Amino acid sequence: MHELPQTLANGLLLGSMYGLIAIGYTMVYGIVQLINFAHGEVFMTGGFGALTAFLMLPSGVSLWLALPVMLLAAVLVSTSVAVLAERLAYRPLRGSSRLAPLITAIGLSIAIQQMVWAWYPDAKQARTFPHLPGGPYALGPVTIQTGDVFLVVAAVLSMLALMWFVRGTRTGRAMQATAQDPDTSRLMGINTDRIIVTAFAIGAAFAALAAVAHGLRYGQVDFRMGFITGLKAFTAAVLGGIGSIQGAMLGGLALGLAEALASGYVKYLPGLELFGGGAWANVWAFVLLIVVLLIRPQGLFSKLTADRA
């Protein structure tokens, strides 16, 4: 039990990353009612974009100096992939049954994975991602790495920026109006096509931040990393109440904590000794989702959140 503070810290860090990715799921669903299963691969391409930028810089350059360039490259790659997906794959299907874009999203997810696997140099295995220098830092009983600090700062600042954007800008208010009634919004002069593309782009930018944080935390990027991580981020969005921005981040934190606690402590419960440890982390994450959907289908935090993307 003396490891509980470290376990909670690990859960919050993991949940922050899930929350950043879940923003993309919830914004797109809030506006066009589409579960974009390719969003996990948008996250993955951001990691490879950041790695490419780092490899193109002169050898020996400080990672602190390279980090802004890597972030910019990650955002550019992820937003480009997301915008192209919306323009070429999803927009032609707008107005069709919900099944068609859902299947398209799954197919697009597999296609992006295979393209990175086939065309990115040496991507058939995990590629090493640079570590930020410095650390680890001891905060009482908790130890964190420099990459963890980046993740926390990125999550807090980006959430504050997004809340300001949605509440305080003309485009943000147009997004809320489009989410509530797209037909009336169009009649009121809102360019709903532009609003939908903006939602895809913002979600992709958040996924790119998460991808850089993932690389700094785990020291590698992999063409498969978007699949399970994306599913968990979708789970986080559903837990928080899909369509709600704050709920996505809160759902991510709840999922991260649940996963960390289950991995660390389930094995001590009588009769569950074989179901603890990291190998069962994914299972417990989806068990939590099933339980929440049975008890509270609208999500854990749906009453606490008012802004819908």
C-alpha atoms as a PDB file:
ATOM      1  CA  MET A   1       0.000   0.000   0.000  1.00  0.00           C
ATOM      2  CA  HIS A   2       3.024   2.295   0.370  1.00  0.00           C
ATOM      3  CA  GLU A   3       3.148   2.435  -3.445  1.00  0.00           C
ATOM      4  CA  LEU A   4      -0.317   4.020  -3.634  1.00  0.00           C
ATOM      5  CA  PRO A   5       0.862   7.650  -4.210  1.00  0.00           C
ATOM      6  CA  GLN A   6       3.071   6.556  -7.107  1.00  0.00           C
ATOM      7  CA  THR A   7       0.253   4.424  -8.522  1.00  0.00           C
ATOM      8  CA  LEU A   8      -2.165   7.368  -8.355  1.00  0.00           C
ATOM      9  CA  ALA A   9       0.388   9.644 -10.030  1.00  0.00           C
ATOM     10  CA  ASN A  10       0.940   7.109 -12.804  1.00  0.00           C
ATOM     11  CA  GLY A  11      -2.809   6.827 -13.264  1.00  0.00           C
ATOM     12  CA  LEU A  12      -3.258  10.590 -13.538  1.00  0.00           C
ATOM     13  CA  LEU A  13      -0.423  10.851 -16.068  1.00  0.00           C
ATOM     14  CA  LEU A  14      -1.840   8.028 -18.147  1.00  0.00           C
ATOM     15  CA  GLY A  15      -5.299   9.538 -17.868  1.00  0.00           C
ATOM     16  CA  SER A  16      -4.033  12.931 -19.033  1.00  0.00           C
ATOM     17  CA  MET A  17      -2.808  11.322 -22.235  1.00  0.00           C
ATOM     18  CA  TYR A  18      -6.110   9.476 -22.741  1.00  0.00           C
ATOM     19  CA  GLY A  19      -7.959  12.728 -22.130  1.00  0.00           C
ATOM     20  CA  LEU A  20      -5.971  14.624 -24.759  1.00  0.00           C
ATOM     21  CA  ILE A  21      -6.809  11.979 -27.372  1.00  0.00           C
ATOM     22  CA  ALA A  22     -10.426  11.676 -26.218  1.00  0.00           C
ATOM     23  CA  ILE A  23     -10.972  15.361 -27.018  1.00  0.00           C
ATOM     24  CA  GLY A  24     -10.816  14.459 -30.723  1.00  0.00           C
ATOM     25  CA  TYR A  25     -13.411  11.701 -30.373  1.00  0.00           C
ATOM     26  CA  THR A  26     -15.809  13.855 -28.416  1.00  0.00           C
ATOM     27  CA  MET A  27     -15.548  16.979 -30.610  1.00  0.00           C
ATOM     28  CA  VAL A  28     -16.194  15.066 -33.827  1.00  0.00           C
ATOM     29  CA  TYR A  29     -19.035  13.067 -32.280  1.00  0.00           C
ATOM     30  CA  GLY A  30     -20.540  16.188 -30.745  1.00  0.00           C
ATOM     31  CA  ILE A  31     -20.844  17.862 -34.149  1.00  0.00           C
ATOM     32  CA  VAL A  32     -21.399  15.131 -36.753  1.00  0.00           C
ATOM     33  CA  GLN A  33     -22.379  12.160 -34.539  1.00  0.00           C
ATOM     34  CA  LEU A  34     -19.485  10.147 -35.975  1.00  0.00           C
ATOM     35  CA  ILE A  35     -17.291   7.770 -33.986  1.00  0.00           C
ATOM     36  CA  ASN A  36     -14.018   8.379 -35.762  1.00  0.00           C
ATOM     37  CA  PHE A  37     -12.167   5.124 -35.132  1.00  0.00           C
ATOM     38  CA  ALA A  38      -9.305   6.402 -37.312  1.00  0.00           C
ATOM     39  CA  HIS A  39      -8.500   9.007 -34.645  1.00  0.00           C
ATOM     40  CA  GLY A  40      -6.104   6.582 -32.956  1.00  0.00           C
ATOM     41  CA  GLU A  41      -4.072   6.508 -36.159  1.00  0.00           C
ATOM     42  CA  VAL A  42      -4.166  10.322 -36.331  1.00  0.00           C
ATOM     43  CA  PHE A  43      -2.501  10.162 -32.905  1.00  0.00           C
ATOM     44  CA  MET A  44       0.051   7.629 -34.194  1.00  0.00           C
ATOM     45  CA  THR A  45       1.019   9.699 -37.261  1.00  0.00           C
ATOM     46  CA  GLY A  46       1.672  12.675 -34.997  1.00  0.00           C
ATOM     47  CA  GLY A  47       4.302  10.640 -33.172  1.00  0.00           C
ATOM     48  CA  PHE A  48       6.026   9.719 -36.407  1.00  0.00           C
ATOM     49  CA  GLY A  49       5.819  13.327 -37.579  1.00  0.00           C
ATOM     50  CA  ALA A  50       7.617  14.487 -34.446  1.00  0.00           C
ATOM     51  CA  LEU A  51      10.246  11.762 -34.815  1.00  0.00           C
ATOM     52  CA  THR A  52      10.832  12.719 -38.463  1.00  0.00           C
ATOM     53  CA  ALA A  53      11.364  16.354 -37.518  1.00  0.00           C
ATOM     54  CA  PHE A  54      13.864  15.356 -34.828  1.00  0.00           C
ATOM     55  CA  LEU A  55      15.832  13.135 -37.240  1.00  0.00           C
ATOM     56  CA  MET A  56      16.001  15.956 -39.793  1.00  0.00           C
ATOM     57  CA  LEU A  57      17.580  18.377 -37.312  1.00  0.00           C
ATOM     58  CA  PRO A  58      21.393  18.610 -37.051  1.00  0.00           C
ATOM     59  CA  SER A  59      22.967  15.881 -34.936  1.00  0.00           C
ATOM     60  CA  GLY A  60      23.590  16.887 -31.332  1.00  0.00           C
ATOM     61  CA  VAL A  61      20.935  19.593 -31.147  1.00  0.00           C
ATOM     62  CA  SER A  62      19.412  19.959 -27.689  1.00  0.00           C
ATOM     63  CA  LEU A  63      16.041  18.241 -27.349  1.00  0.00           C
ATOM     64  CA  TRP A  64      14.720  21.314 -25.551  1.00  0.00           C
ATOM     65  CA  LEU A  65      15.450  23.326 -28.710  1.00  0.00           C
ATOM     66  CA  ALA A  66      14.101  20.567 -30.940  1.00  0.00           C
ATOM     67  CA  LEU A  67      10.869  20.117 -28.982  1.00  0.00           C
ATOM     68  CA  PRO A  68       8.969  23.099 -30.498  1.00  0.00           C
ATOM     69  CA  VAL A  69       9.896  21.900 -33.989  1.00  0.00           C
ATOM     70  CA  MET A  70       8.779  18.373 -33.129  1.00  0.00           C
ATOM     71  CA  LEU A  71       5.487  19.638 -31.732  1.00  0.00           C
ATOM     72  CA  LEU A  72       4.861  21.731 -34.827  1.00  0.00           C
ATOM     73  CA  ALA A  73       5.633  18.799 -37.116  1.00  0.00           C
ATOM     74  CA  ALA A  74       3.387  16.472 -35.094  1.00  0.00           C
ATOM     75  CA  VAL A  75       0.489  18.929 -35.245  1.00  0.00           C
ATOM     76  CA  LEU A  76       0.969  19.522 -38.984  1.00  0.00           C
ATOM     77  CA  VAL A  77       1.040  15.792 -39.786  1.00  0.00           C
ATOM     78  CA  SER A  78      -1.907  14.868 -37.554  1.00  0.00           C
ATOM     79  CA  THR A  79      -4.121  17.743 -38.677  1.00  0.00           C
ATOM     80  CA  SER A  80      -3.294  17.036 -42.330  1.00  0.00           C
ATOM     81  CA  VAL A  81      -4.294  13.392 -41.941  1.00  0.00           C
ATOM     82  CA  ALA A  82      -7.489  14.306 -40.067  1.00  0.00           C
ATOM     83  CA  VAL A  83      -8.538  17.020 -42.527  1.00  0.00           C
ATOM     84  CA  LEU A  84      -7.855  14.771 -45.533  1.00  0.00           C
ATOM     85  CA  ALA A  85      -9.879  11.992 -43.896  1.00  0.00           C
ATOM     86  CA  GLU A  86     -12.797  14.347 -43.313  1.00  0.00           C
ATOM     87  CA  ARG A  87     -12.633  15.821 -46.800  1.00  0.00           C
ATOM     88  CA  LEU A  88     -12.080  12.624 -48.796  1.00  0.00           C
ATOM     89  CA  ALA A  89     -13.629   9.829 -46.710  1.00  0.00           C
ATOM     90  CA  TYR A  90     -16.281  11.224 -44.369  1.00  0.00           C
ATOM     91  CA  ARG A  91     -17.771  14.244 -46.140  1.00  0.00           C
ATOM     92  CA  PRO A  92     -18.976  12.265 -49.195  1.00  0.00           C
ATOM     93  CA  LEU A  93     -20.855   9.974 -46.784  1.00  0.00           C
ATOM     94  CA  ARG A  94     -22.541  12.763 -44.851  1.00  0.00           C
ATOM     95  CA  GLY A  95     -26.267  12.185 -44.901  1.00  0.00           C
ATOM     96  CA  SER A  96     -25.958   8.435 -45.408  1.00  0.00           C
ATOM     97  CA  SER A  97     -26.762   5.861 -42.746  1.00  0.00           C
ATOM     98  CA  ARG A  98     -24.526   5.896 -39.663  1.00  0.00           C
ATOM     99  CA  LEU A  99     -23.154   2.482 -40.551  1.00  0.00           C
ATOM    100  CA  ALA A 100     -21.350   3.675 -43.694  1.00  0.00           C
ATOM    101  CA  PRO A 101     -19.042   6.274 -42.056  1.00  0.00           C
ATOM    102  CA  LEU A 102     -18.489   3.918 -39.106  1.00  0.00           C
ATOM    103  CA  ILE A 103     -17.202   1.155 -41.390  1.00  0.00           C
ATOM    104  CA  THR A 104     -15.226   3.738 -43.362  1.00  0.00           C
ATOM    105  CA  ALA A 105     -13.543   4.899 -40.154  1.00  0.00           C
ATOM    106  CA  ILE A 106     -12.495   1.341 -39.283  1.00  0.00           C
ATOM    107  CA  GLY A 107     -11.160   0.769 -42.792  1.00  0.00           C
ATOM    108  CA  LEU A 108      -9.336   4.082 -42.765  1.00  0.00           C
ATOM    109  CA  SER A 109      -7.740   3.175 -39.430  1.00  0.00           C
ATOM    110  CA  ILE A 110      -6.349  -0.057 -40.870  1.00  0.00           C
ATOM    111  CA  ALA A 111      -5.227   1.672 -44.077  1.00  0.00           C
ATOM    112  CA  ILE A 112      -3.257   4.374 -42.223  1.00  0.00           C
ATOM    113  CA  GLN A 113      -1.581   1.738 -40.064  1.00  0.00           C
ATOM    114  CA  GLN A 114      -0.519  -0.224 -43.126  1.00  0.00           C
ATOM    115  CA  MET A 115       0.735   2.861 -44.960  1.00  0.00           C
ATOM    116  CA  VAL A 116       3.007   3.806 -42.051  1.00  0.00           C
ATOM    117  CA  TRP A 117       4.135   0.177 -41.715  1.00  0.00           C
ATOM    118  CA  ALA A 118       4.950  -0.086 -45.427  1.00  0.00           C
ATOM    119  CA  TRP A 119       6.383   3.331 -46.232  1.00  0.00           C
ATOM    120  CA  TYR A 120       7.975   4.808 -43.101  1.00  0.00           C
ATOM    121  CA  PRO A 121      11.631   3.695 -42.842  1.00  0.00           C
ATOM    122  CA  ASP A 122      12.143   0.861 -40.350  1.00  0.00           C
ATOM    123  CA  ALA A 123       8.608   1.268 -39.004  1.00  0.00           C
ATOM    124  CA  LYS A 124       7.973  -2.480 -38.961  1.00  0.00           C
ATOM    125  CA  GLN A 125       9.432  -2.347 -35.457  1.00  0.00           C
ATOM    126  CA  ALA A 126       9.105   0.301 -32.777  1.00  0.00           C
ATOM    127  CA  ARG A 127      11.265   3.366 -33.485  1.00  0.00           C
ATOM    128  CA  THR A 128      13.264   4.898 -30.663  1.00  0.00           C
ATOM    129  CA  PHE A 129      11.974   8.321 -29.569  1.00  0.00           C
ATOM    130  CA  PRO A 130      14.309  10.810 -27.823  1.00  0.00           C
ATOM    131  CA  HIS A 131      14.066  11.416 -24.082  1.00  0.00           C
ATOM    132  CA  LEU A 132      14.017  14.854 -22.518  1.00  0.00           C
ATOM    133  CA  PRO A 133      17.140  15.428 -20.410  1.00  0.00           C
ATOM    134  CA  GLY A 134      16.949  15.894 -16.640  1.00  0.00           C
ATOM    135  CA  GLY A 135      15.061  14.121 -13.903  1.00  0.00           C
ATOM    136  CA  PRO A 136      13.749  12.043 -12.379  1.00  0.00           C
ATOM    137  CA  TYR A 137      12.234  14.382  -9.814  1.00  0.00           C
ATOM    138  CA  ALA A 138      11.107  13.281  -6.366  1.00  0.00           C
ATOM    139  CA  LEU A 139       7.937  14.912  -5.011  1.00  0.00           C
ATOM    140  CA  GLY A 140       7.634  13.270  -1.626  1.00  0.00           C
ATOM    141  CA  PRO A 141       6.770   9.605  -2.261  1.00  0.00           C
ATOM    142  CA  VAL A 142       6.188  10.249  -5.976  1.00  0.00           C
ATOM    143  CA  THR A 143       8.848  10.176  -8.687  1.00  0.00           C
ATOM    144  CA  ILE A 144       8.187  11.689 -12.101  1.00  0.00           C
ATOM    145  CA  GLN A 145      10.235  12.013 -15.271  1.00  0.00           C
ATOM    146  CA  THR A 146      10.797  15.154 -17.327  1.00  0.00           C
ATOM    147  CA  GLY A 147       8.478  13.780 -20.015  1.00  0.00           C
ATOM    148  CA  ASP A 148       5.748  13.493 -17.390  1.00  0.00           C
ATOM    149  CA  VAL A 149       6.138  17.184 -16.578  1.00  0.00           C
ATOM    150  CA  PHE A 150       5.702  17.982 -20.270  1.00  0.00           C
ATOM    151  CA  LEU A 151       2.522  15.866 -20.373  1.00  0.00           C
ATOM    152  CA  VAL A 152       0.945  17.580 -17.369  1.00  0.00           C
ATOM    153  CA  VAL A 153       1.803  21.085 -18.582  1.00  0.00           C
ATOM    154  CA  ALA A 154       0.581  20.308 -22.119  1.00  0.00           C
ATOM    155  CA  ALA A 155      -2.702  18.832 -20.844  1.00  0.00           C
ATOM    156  CA  VAL A 156      -3.497  21.748 -18.528  1.00  0.00           C
ATOM    157  CA  LEU A 157      -2.564  24.524 -20.970  1.00  0.00           C
ATOM    158  CA  SER A 158      -4.280  22.939 -23.952  1.00  0.00           C
ATOM    159  CA  MET A 159      -7.501  22.342 -21.993  1.00  0.00           C
ATOM    160  CA  LEU A 160      -7.532  25.963 -20.796  1.00  0.00           C
ATOM    161  CA  ALA A 161      -6.912  27.158 -24.358  1.00  0.00           C
ATOM    162  CA  LEU A 162      -9.692  24.951 -25.717  1.00  0.00           C
ATOM    163  CA  MET A 163     -12.205  26.120 -23.120  1.00  0.00           C
ATOM    164  CA  TRP A 164     -11.394  29.731 -23.954  1.00  0.00           C
ATOM    165  CA  PHE A 165     -11.696  28.985 -27.685  1.00  0.00           C
ATOM    166  CA  VAL A 166     -15.077  27.272 -27.365  1.00  0.00           C
ATOM    167  CA  ARG A 167     -16.582  29.855 -25.007  1.00  0.00           C
ATOM    168  CA  GLY A 168     -14.851  33.051 -26.059  1.00  0.00           C
ATOM    169  CA  THR A 169     -14.489  33.018 -29.824  1.00  0.00           C
ATOM    170  CA  ARG A 170     -16.941  33.343 -32.693  1.00  0.00           C
ATOM    171  CA  THR A 171     -15.824  30.026 -34.175  1.00  0.00           C
ATOM    172  CA  GLY A 172     -16.213  28.292 -30.813  1.00  0.00           C
ATOM    173  CA  ARG A 173     -19.763  29.549 -30.417  1.00  0.00           C
ATOM    174  CA  ALA A 174     -20.490  28.466 -33.994  1.00  0.00           C
ATOM    175  CA  MET A 175     -19.240  24.996 -33.068  1.00  0.00           C
ATOM    176  CA  GLN A 176     -21.654  24.854 -30.135  1.00  0.00           C
ATOM    177  CA  ALA A 177     -24.504  26.004 -32.356  1.00  0.00           C
ATOM    178  CA  THR A 178     -23.653  23.434 -35.035  1.00  0.00           C
ATOM    179  CA  ALA A 179     -23.524  20.695 -32.410  1.00  0.00           C
ATOM    180  CA  GLN A 180     -27.001  21.629 -31.155  1.00  0.00           C
ATOM    181  CA  ASP A 181     -28.733  22.083 -34.532  1.00  0.00           C
ATOM    182  CA  PRO A 182     -26.692  21.967 -37.753  1.00  0.00           C
ATOM    183  CA  ASP A 183     -29.628  22.755 -40.056  1.00  0.00           C
ATOM    184  CA  THR A 184     -30.638  25.897 -38.164  1.00  0.00           C
ATOM    185  CA  SER A 185     -26.984  26.907 -37.864  1.00  0.00           C
ATOM    186  CA  ARG A 186     -26.649  26.675 -41.643  1.00  0.00           C
ATOM    187  CA  LEU A 187     -29.761  28.824 -42.106  1.00  0.00           C
ATOM    188  CA  MET A 188     -28.257  31.391 -39.726  1.00  0.00           C
ATOM    189  CA  GLY A 189     -25.234  31.738 -42.004  1.00  0.00           C
ATOM    190  CA  ILE A 190     -22.758  29.430 -40.271  1.00  0.00           C
ATOM    191  CA  ASN A 191     -20.485  27.541 -42.654  1.00  0.00           C
ATOM    192  CA  THR A 192     -20.997  24.111 -41.104  1.00  0.00           C
ATOM    193  CA  ASP A 193     -18.483  22.465 -43.440  1.00  0.00           C
ATOM    194  CA  ARG A 194     -15.779  24.769 -42.123  1.00  0.00           C
ATOM    195  CA  ILE A 195     -16.883  24.157 -38.533  1.00  0.00           C
ATOM    196  CA  ILE A 196     -16.711  20.387 -38.995  1.00  0.00           C
ATOM    197  CA  VAL A 197     -13.217  20.575 -40.497  1.00  0.00           C
ATOM    198  CA  THR A 198     -12.158  22.812 -37.599  1.00  0.00           C
ATOM    199  CA  ALA A 199     -13.390  20.200 -35.115  1.00  0.00           C
ATOM    200  CA  PHE A 200     -11.371  17.498 -36.869  1.00  0.00           C
ATOM    201  CA  ALA A 201      -8.283  19.736 -36.910  1.00  0.00           C
ATOM    202  CA  ILE A 202      -8.500  20.707 -33.230  1.00  0.00           C
ATOM    203  CA  GLY A 203      -8.982  17.094 -32.183  1.00  0.00           C
ATOM    204  CA  ALA A 204      -5.989  16.098 -34.290  1.00  0.00           C
ATOM    205  CA  ALA A 205      -3.821  18.822 -32.742  1.00  0.00           C
ATOM    206  CA  PHE A 206      -4.645  17.478 -29.272  1.00  0.00           C
ATOM    207  CA  ALA A 207      -3.832  13.959 -30.461  1.00  0.00           C
ATOM    208  CA  ALA A 208      -0.478  15.223 -31.764  1.00  0.00           C
ATOM    209  CA  LEU A 209       0.359  16.673 -28.339  1.00  0.00           C
ATOM    210  CA  ALA A 210      -0.524  13.335 -26.799  1.00  0.00           C
ATOM    211  CA  ALA A 211       1.660  11.517 -29.338  1.00  0.00           C
ATOM    212  CA  VAL A 212       4.716  13.609 -28.462  1.00  0.00           C
ATOM    213  CA  ALA A 213       3.996  13.063 -24.763  1.00  0.00           C
ATOM    214  CA  HIS A 214       3.670   9.316 -25.423  1.00  0.00           C
ATOM    215  CA  GLY A 215       7.030   9.239 -27.201  1.00  0.00           C
ATOM    216  CA  LEU A 216       8.776  11.204 -24.448  1.00  0.00           C
ATOM    217  CA  ARG A 217       7.224   9.005 -21.733  1.00  0.00           C
ATOM    218  CA  TYR A 218       7.782   5.567 -23.282  1.00  0.00           C
ATOM    219  CA  GLY A 219      10.826   6.308 -25.470  1.00  0.00           C
ATOM    220  CA  GLN A 220       9.389   4.865 -28.665  1.00  0.00           C
ATOM    221  CA  VAL A 221       6.703   5.178 -31.309  1.00  0.00           C
ATOM    222  CA  ASP A 222       5.104   2.262 -33.103  1.00  0.00           C
ATOM    223  CA  PHE A 223       2.695   1.963 -36.031  1.00  0.00           C
ATOM    224  CA  ARG A 224       0.393  -0.113 -33.777  1.00  0.00           C
ATOM    225  CA  MET A 225       0.322   2.319 -30.863  1.00  0.00           C
ATOM    226  CA  GLY A 226      -2.792   4.141 -32.068  1.00  0.00           C
ATOM    227  CA  PHE A 227      -5.112   1.139 -32.039  1.00  0.00           C
ATOM    228  CA  ILE A 228      -5.358   0.202 -28.359  1.00  0.00           C
ATOM    229  CA  THR A 229      -4.589   3.717 -27.140  1.00  0.00           C
ATOM    230  CA  GLY A 230      -7.284   5.078 -29.437  1.00  0.00           C
ATOM    231  CA  LEU A 231      -9.812   2.544 -28.181  1.00  0.00           C
ATOM    232  CA  LYS A 232      -9.014   3.500 -24.599  1.00  0.00           C
ATOM    233  CA  ALA A 233      -9.354   7.192 -25.426  1.00  0.00           C
ATOM    234  CA  PHE A 234     -12.733   6.447 -26.989  1.00  0.00           C
ATOM    235  CA  THR A 235     -13.598   4.594 -23.786  1.00  0.00           C
ATOM    236  CA  ALA A 236     -12.579   7.693 -21.831  1.00  0.00           C
ATOM    237  CA  ALA A 237     -14.821   9.873 -23.993  1.00  0.00           C
ATOM    238  CA  VAL A 238     -17.765   7.528 -23.383  1.00  0.00           C
ATOM    239  CA  LEU A 239     -17.026   7.360 -19.643  1.00  0.00           C
ATOM    240  CA  GLY A 240     -17.052  11.146 -19.398  1.00  0.00           C
ATOM    241  CA  GLY A 241     -20.140  11.547 -21.579  1.00  0.00           C
ATOM    242  CA  ILE A 242     -19.293  11.591 -25.274  1.00  0.00           C
ATOM    243  CA  GLY A 243     -19.874  14.971 -26.875  1.00  0.00           C
ATOM    244  CA  SER A 244     -18.639  16.846 -23.806  1.00  0.00           C
ATOM    245  CA  ILE A 245     -15.176  18.417 -23.833  1.00  0.00           C
ATOM    246  CA  GLN A 246     -14.669  18.510 -20.068  1.00  0.00           C
ATOM    247  CA  GLY A 247     -16.139  15.039 -19.761  1.00  0.00           C
ATOM    248  CA  ALA A 248     -13.523  13.676 -22.175  1.00  0.00           C
ATOM    249  CA  MET A 249     -10.658  14.857 -19.975  1.00  0.00           C
ATOM    250  CA  LEU A 250     -12.376  13.769 -16.755  1.00  0.00           C
ATOM    251  CA  GLY A 251     -13.174  10.411 -18.316  1.00  0.00           C
ATOM    252  CA  GLY A 252      -9.535  10.053 -19.319  1.00  0.00           C
ATOM    253  CA  LEU A 253      -8.369  10.739 -15.775  1.00  0.00           C
ATOM    254  CA  ALA A 254     -10.926   8.289 -14.362  1.00  0.00           C
ATOM    255  CA  LEU A 255      -9.855   5.611 -16.823  1.00  0.00           C
ATOM    256  CA  GLY A 256      -6.152   6.171 -16.136  1.00  0.00           C
ATOM    257  CA  LEU A 257      -6.675   5.931 -12.381  1.00  0.00           C
ATOM    258  CA  ALA A 258      -8.843   2.825 -12.701  1.00  0.00           C
ATOM    259  CA  GLU A 259      -6.323   1.145 -14.969  1.00  0.00           C
ATOM    260  CA  ALA A 260      -3.374   1.950 -12.695  1.00  0.00           C
ATOM    261  CA  LEU A 261      -5.190   0.850  -9.531  1.00  0.00           C
ATOM    262  CA  ALA A 262      -6.483  -2.343 -11.130  1.00  0.00           C
ATOM    263  CA  SER A 263      -3.018  -3.208 -12.450  1.00  0.00           C
ATOM    264  CA  GLY A 264      -1.447  -2.630  -9.047  1.00  0.00           C
ATOM    265  CA  TYR A 265      -3.975  -3.971  -6.574  1.00  0.00           C
ATOM    266  CA  VAL A 266      -6.430  -6.438  -8.123  1.00  0.00           C
ATOM    267  CA  LYS A 267      -3.900  -9.220  -7.638  1.00  0.00           C
ATOM    268  CA  TYR A 268      -4.208  -8.768  -3.858  1.00  0.00           C
ATOM    269  CA  LEU A 269      -7.957  -9.433  -3.883  1.00  0.00           C
ATOM    270  CA  PRO A 270      -8.966 -12.958  -2.837  1.00  0.00           C
ATOM    271  CA  GLY A 271      -9.650 -15.120  -5.892  1.00  0.00           C
ATOM    272  CA  LEU A 272      -8.329 -12.523  -8.358  1.00  0.00           C
ATOM    273  CA  GLU A 273      -4.601 -13.175  -7.951  1.00  0.00           C
ATOM    274  CA  LEU A 274      -4.210 -14.096 -11.637  1.00  0.00           C
ATOM    275  CA  PHE A 275      -5.978 -10.983 -12.939  1.00  0.00           C
ATOM    276  CA  GLY A 276      -3.595  -8.255 -11.753  1.00  0.00           C
ATOM    277  CA  GLY A 277      -0.515  -6.689 -13.314  1.00  0.00           C
ATOM    278  CA  GLY A 278      -0.003  -4.775 -16.530  1.00  0.00           C
ATOM    279  CA  ALA A 279      -1.051  -7.691 -18.746  1.00  0.00           C
ATOM    280  CA  TRP A 280      -4.663  -7.236 -17.570  1.00  0.00           C
ATOM    281  CA  ALA A 281      -4.713  -3.431 -17.729  1.00  0.00           C
ATOM    282  CA  ASN A 282      -6.543  -3.327 -21.059  1.00  0.00           C
ATOM    283  CA  VAL A 283      -9.116  -5.831 -19.847  1.00  0.00           C
ATOM    284  CA  TRP A 284      -9.938  -3.842 -16.703  1.00  0.00           C
ATOM    285  CA  ALA A 285     -10.260  -0.641 -18.730  1.00  0.00           C
ATOM    286  CA  PHE A 286     -13.010  -2.180 -20.852  1.00  0.00           C
ATOM    287  CA  VAL A 287     -14.608  -3.892 -17.849  1.00  0.00           C
ATOM    288  CA  LEU A 288     -14.945  -0.426 -16.345  1.00  0.00           C
ATOM    289  CA  LEU A 289     -16.569   0.819 -19.555  1.00  0.00           C
ATOM    290  CA  ILE A 290     -19.113  -2.026 -19.524  1.00  0.00           C
ATOM    291  CA  VAL A 291     -19.978  -1.431 -15.877  1.00  0.00           C
ATOM    292  CA  VAL A 292     -20.444   2.306 -16.408  1.00  0.00           C
ATOM    293  CA  LEU A 293     -22.580   1.789 -19.513  1.00  0.00           C
ATOM    294  CA  LEU A 294     -24.815  -0.596 -17.558  1.00  0.00           C
ATOM    295  CA  ILE A 295     -25.214   1.761 -14.603  1.00  0.00           C
ATOM    296  CA  ARG A 296     -24.964   5.190 -16.228  1.00  0.00           C
ATOM    297  CA  PRO A 297     -25.195   5.050 -20.046  1.00  0.00           C
ATOM    298  CA  GLN A 298     -24.884   8.827 -20.448  1.00  0.00           C
ATOM    299  CA  GLY A 299     -21.400   8.829 -18.873  1.00  0.00           C
ATOM    300  CA  LEU A 300     -20.005   9.521 -15.428  1.00  0.00           C
ATOM    301  CA  PHE A 301     -19.754  13.301 -15.709  1.00  0.00           C
ATOM    302  CA  SER A 302     -22.535  14.243 -18.082  1.00  0.00           C
ATOM    303  CA  LYS A 303     -24.283  16.456 -15.496  1.00  0.00           C
ATOM    304  CA  LEU A 304     -21.093  18.266 -14.633  1.00  0.00           C
ATOM    305  CA  THR A 305     -20.457  19.394 -18.168  1.00  0.00           C
ATOM    306  CA  ALA A 306     -22.390  21.900 -20.150  1.00  0.00           C
ATOM    307  CA  ASP A 307     -20.290  22.697 -23.227  1.00  0.00           C
ATOM    308  CA  ARG A 308     -20.793  20.375 -26.125  1.00  0.00           C
ATOM    309  CA  ALA A 309     -18.449  20.699 -29.074  1.00  0.00           C
END
